[in-house]
Amino acid sequence: APPAAAPRAPLVTLEAGGVGEAAAPGRGNDAGVTGGGAVRLRVAGRRLGVAFGAAGLAPATVTLARGQARLTRVPVELDLTAAVRARRLELIAGVGLAAAALAVTGQGFAADLGTTRLDLGLHGAVTARWRGGGRVAPFVGLEATLLPRPYDLAVAGLGEVGRTPLLWVRVVAGAALALDGRF
């Protein structure tokens, strides 16, 4: 009998890319738009894997019923992933948990106060990656983070003037590096 094939070592990739992100309009506020950069480390077998990602984003300003709020977010995600390949194109879907440090500062009020919170929610992503055979592969992805418990934004003397966004949608484009030297 032929010898059994050695198990394939997991593929470890590091992705880095530019980000465009928008918040869905919510109760009492419009959509906030921002940009920045993101990194993601993925460890995967032939089809299934796990990914940890983080982004650094510029502050987003949302217009409220009265005044504005400046939202500064630092999101991180932990996803379970599944991949399918068709020739050189690889599609990767991920679903998992998200957390973000959120700093909110009022703008246009008598006293522009701020607060910092932790947002917890669900994360989903779909990424298309072109596997050209080298160590580097370009990719583009669409991600969404649902934060089921938005915070009320209140101002002394005015009451509630809006809420933090319930949904953030992100487009990412960049390059993935196969850390073990193969795609």
C-alpha atoms as a PDB file:
ATOM      1  CA  ALA A   1       0.000   0.000   0.000  1.00  0.00           C
ATOM      2  CA  PRO A   2       1.278   3.474  -0.799  1.00  0.00           C
ATOM      3  CA  PRO A   3       2.264   5.599   2.202  1.00  0.00           C
ATOM      4  CA  ALA A   4      -0.388   8.004   3.480  1.00  0.00           C
ATOM      5  CA  ALA A   5       0.081  11.585   2.398  1.00  0.00           C
ATOM      6  CA  ALA A   6       1.526  13.839   5.066  1.00  0.00           C
ATOM      7  CA  PRO A   7      -1.035  16.261   6.480  1.00  0.00           C
ATOM      8  CA  ARG A   8      -0.859  19.675   4.879  1.00  0.00           C
ATOM      9  CA  ALA A   9       0.454  22.425   7.151  1.00  0.00           C
ATOM     10  CA  PRO A  10      -1.967  25.297   7.713  1.00  0.00           C
ATOM     11  CA  LEU A  11      -1.673  28.327   5.459  1.00  0.00           C
ATOM     12  CA  VAL A  12      -0.828  31.447   7.473  1.00  0.00           C
ATOM     13  CA  THR A  13      -1.538  34.757   5.755  1.00  0.00           C
ATOM     14  CA  LEU A  14      -1.231  38.383   6.780  1.00  0.00           C
ATOM     15  CA  GLU A  15      -3.500  40.833   4.963  1.00  0.00           C
ATOM     16  CA  ALA A  16      -3.043  44.602   4.937  1.00  0.00           C
ATOM     17  CA  GLY A  17      -5.199  47.083   3.101  1.00  0.00           C
ATOM     18  CA  GLY A  18      -6.907  50.400   2.819  1.00  0.00           C
ATOM     19  CA  VAL A  19     -10.401  50.777   4.273  1.00  0.00           C
ATOM     20  CA  GLY A  20     -13.475  52.807   3.434  1.00  0.00           C
ATOM     21  CA  GLU A  21     -16.193  52.503   6.088  1.00  0.00           C
ATOM     22  CA  ALA A  22     -19.684  53.939   6.470  1.00  0.00           C
ATOM     23  CA  ALA A  23     -22.240  53.787   9.253  1.00  0.00           C
ATOM     24  CA  ALA A  24     -25.849  53.143   8.372  1.00  0.00           C
ATOM     25  CA  PRO A  25     -28.077  56.103   9.280  1.00  0.00           C
ATOM     26  CA  GLY A  26     -29.737  55.609  12.635  1.00  0.00           C
ATOM     27  CA  ARG A  27     -32.343  57.133  14.881  1.00  0.00           C
ATOM     28  CA  GLY A  28     -31.582  60.836  15.036  1.00  0.00           C
ATOM     29  CA  ASN A  29     -28.389  60.775  12.960  1.00  0.00           C
ATOM     30  CA  ASP A  30     -27.106  60.534   9.420  1.00  0.00           C
ATOM     31  CA  ALA A  31     -24.461  58.151   8.112  1.00  0.00           C
ATOM     32  CA  GLY A  32     -20.849  58.628   9.182  1.00  0.00           C
ATOM     33  CA  VAL A  33     -18.068  57.942   6.671  1.00  0.00           C
ATOM     34  CA  THR A  34     -14.415  57.276   7.443  1.00  0.00           C
ATOM     35  CA  GLY A  35     -11.294  55.588   6.141  1.00  0.00           C
ATOM     36  CA  GLY A  36      -8.062  54.100   7.334  1.00  0.00           C
ATOM     37  CA  GLY A  37      -6.158  50.841   7.258  1.00  0.00           C
ATOM     38  CA  ALA A  38      -6.726  47.270   8.379  1.00  0.00           C
ATOM     39  CA  VAL A  39      -4.697  44.130   9.058  1.00  0.00           C
ATOM     40  CA  ARG A  40      -5.877  40.531   9.398  1.00  0.00           C
ATOM     41  CA  LEU A  41      -4.031  37.335  10.329  1.00  0.00           C
ATOM     42  CA  ARG A  42      -5.614  34.133   9.011  1.00  0.00           C
ATOM     43  CA  VAL A  43      -4.642  30.555   9.804  1.00  0.00           C
ATOM     44  CA  ALA A  44      -6.455  28.014   7.659  1.00  0.00           C
ATOM     45  CA  GLY A  45      -6.474  24.477   6.436  1.00  0.00           C
ATOM     46  CA  ARG A  46      -7.697  23.592   2.964  1.00  0.00           C
ATOM     47  CA  ARG A  47     -11.175  25.077   3.573  1.00  0.00           C
ATOM     48  CA  LEU A  48     -11.708  26.169   7.199  1.00  0.00           C
ATOM     49  CA  GLY A  49      -9.786  28.644   9.286  1.00  0.00           C
ATOM     50  CA  VAL A  50      -9.770  31.395  11.855  1.00  0.00           C
ATOM     51  CA  ALA A  51      -8.944  35.074  11.362  1.00  0.00           C
ATOM     52  CA  PHE A  52      -8.147  37.958  13.706  1.00  0.00           C
ATOM     53  CA  GLY A  53      -8.337  41.484  12.323  1.00  0.00           C
ATOM     54  CA  ALA A  54      -7.996  45.067  13.494  1.00  0.00           C
ATOM     55  CA  ALA A  55      -8.448  48.468  11.863  1.00  0.00           C
ATOM     56  CA  GLY A  56      -7.211  51.975  12.505  1.00  0.00           C
ATOM     57  CA  LEU A  57      -9.768  54.495  11.299  1.00  0.00           C
ATOM     58  CA  ALA A  58      -9.978  58.268  11.077  1.00  0.00           C
ATOM     59  CA  PRO A  59     -12.794  59.792  13.166  1.00  0.00           C
ATOM     60  CA  ALA A  60     -16.262  59.833  11.562  1.00  0.00           C
ATOM     61  CA  THR A  61     -18.600  62.777  12.124  1.00  0.00           C
ATOM     62  CA  VAL A  62     -22.338  62.113  12.267  1.00  0.00           C
ATOM     63  CA  THR A  63     -24.943  64.856  12.207  1.00  0.00           C
ATOM     64  CA  LEU A  64     -27.482  64.448  15.002  1.00  0.00           C
ATOM     65  CA  ALA A  65     -30.915  65.919  15.573  1.00  0.00           C
ATOM     66  CA  ARG A  66     -29.010  68.780  17.265  1.00  0.00           C
ATOM     67  CA  GLY A  67     -25.268  69.241  16.783  1.00  0.00           C
ATOM     68  CA  GLN A  68     -22.796  66.589  15.709  1.00  0.00           C
ATOM     69  CA  ALA A  69     -20.854  63.728  17.244  1.00  0.00           C
ATOM     70  CA  ARG A  70     -17.317  62.754  16.389  1.00  0.00           C
ATOM     71  CA  LEU A  71     -16.937  58.958  16.582  1.00  0.00           C
ATOM     72  CA  THR A  72     -13.474  57.445  16.831  1.00  0.00           C
ATOM     73  CA  ARG A  73     -13.501  53.642  16.572  1.00  0.00           C
ATOM     74  CA  VAL A  74     -10.779  51.024  16.884  1.00  0.00           C
ATOM     75  CA  PRO A  75     -12.474  47.786  15.801  1.00  0.00           C
ATOM     76  CA  VAL A  76     -11.164  44.214  16.177  1.00  0.00           C
ATOM     77  CA  GLU A  77     -12.757  41.017  14.902  1.00  0.00           C
ATOM     78  CA  LEU A  78     -12.372  37.271  15.448  1.00  0.00           C
ATOM     79  CA  ASP A  79     -13.945  35.167  12.677  1.00  0.00           C
ATOM     80  CA  LEU A  80     -14.339  31.551  11.691  1.00  0.00           C
ATOM     81  CA  THR A  81     -13.684  31.348   7.954  1.00  0.00           C
ATOM     82  CA  ALA A  82     -14.499  29.062   5.046  1.00  0.00           C
ATOM     83  CA  ALA A  83     -12.843  29.245   1.629  1.00  0.00           C
ATOM     84  CA  VAL A  84     -13.569  27.916  -1.845  1.00  0.00           C
ATOM     85  CA  ARG A  85     -11.229  28.071  -4.820  1.00  0.00           C
ATOM     86  CA  ALA A  86     -11.965  28.257  -8.516  1.00  0.00           C
ATOM     87  CA  ARG A  87      -8.634  28.128 -10.381  1.00  0.00           C
ATOM     88  CA  ARG A  88      -6.695  31.168  -9.119  1.00  0.00           C
ATOM     89  CA  LEU A  89      -9.647  32.939  -7.476  1.00  0.00           C
ATOM     90  CA  GLU A  90     -10.282  32.230  -3.806  1.00  0.00           C
ATOM     91  CA  LEU A  91     -13.482  33.341  -2.047  1.00  0.00           C
ATOM     92  CA  ILE A  92     -13.325  33.509   1.736  1.00  0.00           C
ATOM     93  CA  ALA A  93     -16.367  34.041   3.958  1.00  0.00           C
ATOM     94  CA  GLY A  94     -16.076  34.751   7.661  1.00  0.00           C
ATOM     95  CA  VAL A  95     -18.449  35.188  10.555  1.00  0.00           C
ATOM     96  CA  GLY A  96     -17.642  35.961  14.156  1.00  0.00           C
ATOM     97  CA  LEU A  97     -17.476  38.466  16.971  1.00  0.00           C
ATOM     98  CA  ALA A  98     -16.524  42.130  16.889  1.00  0.00           C
ATOM     99  CA  ALA A  99     -15.449  44.606  19.544  1.00  0.00           C
ATOM    100  CA  ALA A 100     -14.558  48.259  19.168  1.00  0.00           C
ATOM    101  CA  ALA A 101     -13.258  50.911  21.487  1.00  0.00           C
ATOM    102  CA  LEU A 102     -15.543  53.865  20.744  1.00  0.00           C
ATOM    103  CA  ALA A 103     -14.743  57.444  21.738  1.00  0.00           C
ATOM    104  CA  VAL A 104     -17.614  59.895  21.220  1.00  0.00           C
ATOM    105  CA  THR A 105     -17.186  63.673  21.421  1.00  0.00           C
ATOM    106  CA  GLY A 106     -20.002  66.184  20.973  1.00  0.00           C
ATOM    107  CA  GLN A 107     -19.543  69.060  18.534  1.00  0.00           C
ATOM    108  CA  GLY A 108     -21.609  72.240  18.355  1.00  0.00           C
ATOM    109  CA  PHE A 109     -22.976  72.097  21.900  1.00  0.00           C
ATOM    110  CA  ALA A 110     -22.544  74.587  24.741  1.00  0.00           C
ATOM    111  CA  ALA A 111     -20.147  72.075  26.320  1.00  0.00           C
ATOM    112  CA  ASP A 112     -18.633  69.520  23.936  1.00  0.00           C
ATOM    113  CA  LEU A 113     -18.176  66.560  26.271  1.00  0.00           C
ATOM    114  CA  GLY A 114     -16.972  63.089  25.398  1.00  0.00           C
ATOM    115  CA  THR A 115     -17.109  59.518  26.574  1.00  0.00           C
ATOM    116  CA  THR A 116     -15.453  56.209  25.729  1.00  0.00           C
ATOM    117  CA  ARG A 117     -17.336  52.933  25.438  1.00  0.00           C
ATOM    118  CA  LEU A 118     -16.838  49.354  24.306  1.00  0.00           C
ATOM    119  CA  ASP A 119     -19.073  48.252  21.430  1.00  0.00           C
ATOM    120  CA  LEU A 120     -19.703  44.499  21.107  1.00  0.00           C
ATOM    121  CA  GLY A 121     -21.365  42.845  18.140  1.00  0.00           C
ATOM    122  CA  LEU A 122     -21.302  40.426  15.243  1.00  0.00           C
ATOM    123  CA  HIS A 123     -18.991  40.560  12.234  1.00  0.00           C
ATOM    124  CA  GLY A 124     -19.261  39.106   8.746  1.00  0.00           C
ATOM    125  CA  ALA A 125     -16.914  39.333   5.779  1.00  0.00           C
ATOM    126  CA  VAL A 126     -16.577  38.151   2.183  1.00  0.00           C
ATOM    127  CA  THR A 127     -13.167  38.433   0.500  1.00  0.00           C
ATOM    128  CA  ALA A 128     -12.021  37.654  -3.037  1.00  0.00           C
ATOM    129  CA  ARG A 129      -8.309  36.917  -3.363  1.00  0.00           C
ATOM    130  CA  TRP A 130      -6.323  36.338  -6.567  1.00  0.00           C
ATOM    131  CA  ARG A 131      -3.803  33.551  -5.984  1.00  0.00           C
ATOM    132  CA  GLY A 132      -1.112  34.092  -8.587  1.00  0.00           C
ATOM    133  CA  GLY A 133       1.242  31.459  -7.222  1.00  0.00           C
ATOM    134  CA  GLY A 134       3.715  33.735  -5.418  1.00  0.00           C
ATOM    135  CA  ARG A 135       3.896  34.916  -1.835  1.00  0.00           C
ATOM    136  CA  VAL A 136       1.668  37.981  -2.385  1.00  0.00           C
ATOM    137  CA  ALA A 137      -1.977  37.977  -3.502  1.00  0.00           C
ATOM    138  CA  PRO A 138      -4.202  41.035  -4.065  1.00  0.00           C
ATOM    139  CA  PHE A 139      -7.639  40.990  -2.442  1.00  0.00           C
ATOM    140  CA  VAL A 140     -10.835  42.992  -2.100  1.00  0.00           C
ATOM    141  CA  GLY A 141     -13.414  42.463   0.624  1.00  0.00           C
ATOM    142  CA  LEU A 142     -16.773  43.595   1.934  1.00  0.00           C
ATOM    143  CA  GLU A 143     -17.394  43.489   5.685  1.00  0.00           C
ATOM    144  CA  ALA A 144     -20.252  44.367   8.007  1.00  0.00           C
ATOM    145  CA  THR A 145     -20.399  44.800  11.778  1.00  0.00           C
ATOM    146  CA  LEU A 146     -23.762  44.721  13.545  1.00  0.00           C
ATOM    147  CA  LEU A 147     -23.822  46.336  16.986  1.00  0.00           C
ATOM    148  CA  PRO A 148     -27.185  45.298  18.476  1.00  0.00           C
ATOM    149  CA  ARG A 149     -26.952  47.613  21.504  1.00  0.00           C
ATOM    150  CA  PRO A 150     -26.353  51.169  20.253  1.00  0.00           C
ATOM    151  CA  TYR A 151     -25.747  53.861  22.842  1.00  0.00           C
ATOM    152  CA  ASP A 152     -28.048  56.836  23.300  1.00  0.00           C
ATOM    153  CA  LEU A 153     -26.244  60.135  22.801  1.00  0.00           C
ATOM    154  CA  ALA A 154     -27.597  62.603  25.325  1.00  0.00           C
ATOM    155  CA  VAL A 155     -26.741  66.198  26.162  1.00  0.00           C
ATOM    156  CA  ALA A 156     -27.558  67.869  29.493  1.00  0.00           C
ATOM    157  CA  GLY A 157     -30.557  70.140  29.021  1.00  0.00           C
ATOM    158  CA  LEU A 158     -31.422  68.647  25.608  1.00  0.00           C
ATOM    159  CA  GLY A 159     -31.913  64.965  26.382  1.00  0.00           C
ATOM    160  CA  GLU A 160     -31.289  62.338  23.695  1.00  0.00           C
ATOM    161  CA  VAL A 161     -29.977  63.855  20.449  1.00  0.00           C
ATOM    162  CA  GLY A 162     -29.161  60.605  18.609  1.00  0.00           C
ATOM    163  CA  ARG A 163     -27.704  57.118  18.877  1.00  0.00           C
ATOM    164  CA  THR A 164     -24.477  55.442  17.933  1.00  0.00           C
ATOM    165  CA  PRO A 165     -24.784  53.535  14.630  1.00  0.00           C
ATOM    166  CA  LEU A 166     -26.217  50.023  14.617  1.00  0.00           C
ATOM    167  CA  LEU A 167     -24.396  48.914  11.446  1.00  0.00           C
ATOM    168  CA  TRP A 168     -20.977  49.689   9.958  1.00  0.00           C
ATOM    169  CA  VAL A 169     -20.119  48.532   6.411  1.00  0.00           C
ATOM    170  CA  ARG A 170     -16.502  48.392   5.248  1.00  0.00           C
ATOM    171  CA  VAL A 171     -14.751  47.904   1.898  1.00  0.00           C
ATOM    172  CA  VAL A 172     -11.134  46.730   2.103  1.00  0.00           C
ATOM    173  CA  ALA A 173      -8.587  46.368  -0.701  1.00  0.00           C
ATOM    174  CA  GLY A 174      -4.980  45.374  -0.337  1.00  0.00           C
ATOM    175  CA  ALA A 175      -2.515  42.514  -0.449  1.00  0.00           C
ATOM    176  CA  ALA A 176      -2.157  39.237   1.438  1.00  0.00           C
ATOM    177  CA  LEU A 177       1.264  37.799   2.249  1.00  0.00           C
ATOM    178  CA  ALA A 178       1.682  34.034   2.658  1.00  0.00           C
ATOM    179  CA  LEU A 179       3.916  33.921   5.722  1.00  0.00           C
ATOM    180  CA  ASP A 180       5.005  30.348   5.058  1.00  0.00           C
ATOM    181  CA  GLY A 181       6.026  31.257   1.509  1.00  0.00           C
ATOM    182  CA  ARG A 182       3.277  29.672  -0.601  1.00  0.00           C
ATOM    183  CA  PHE A 183      -0.175  30.421  -1.980  1.00  0.00           C
END
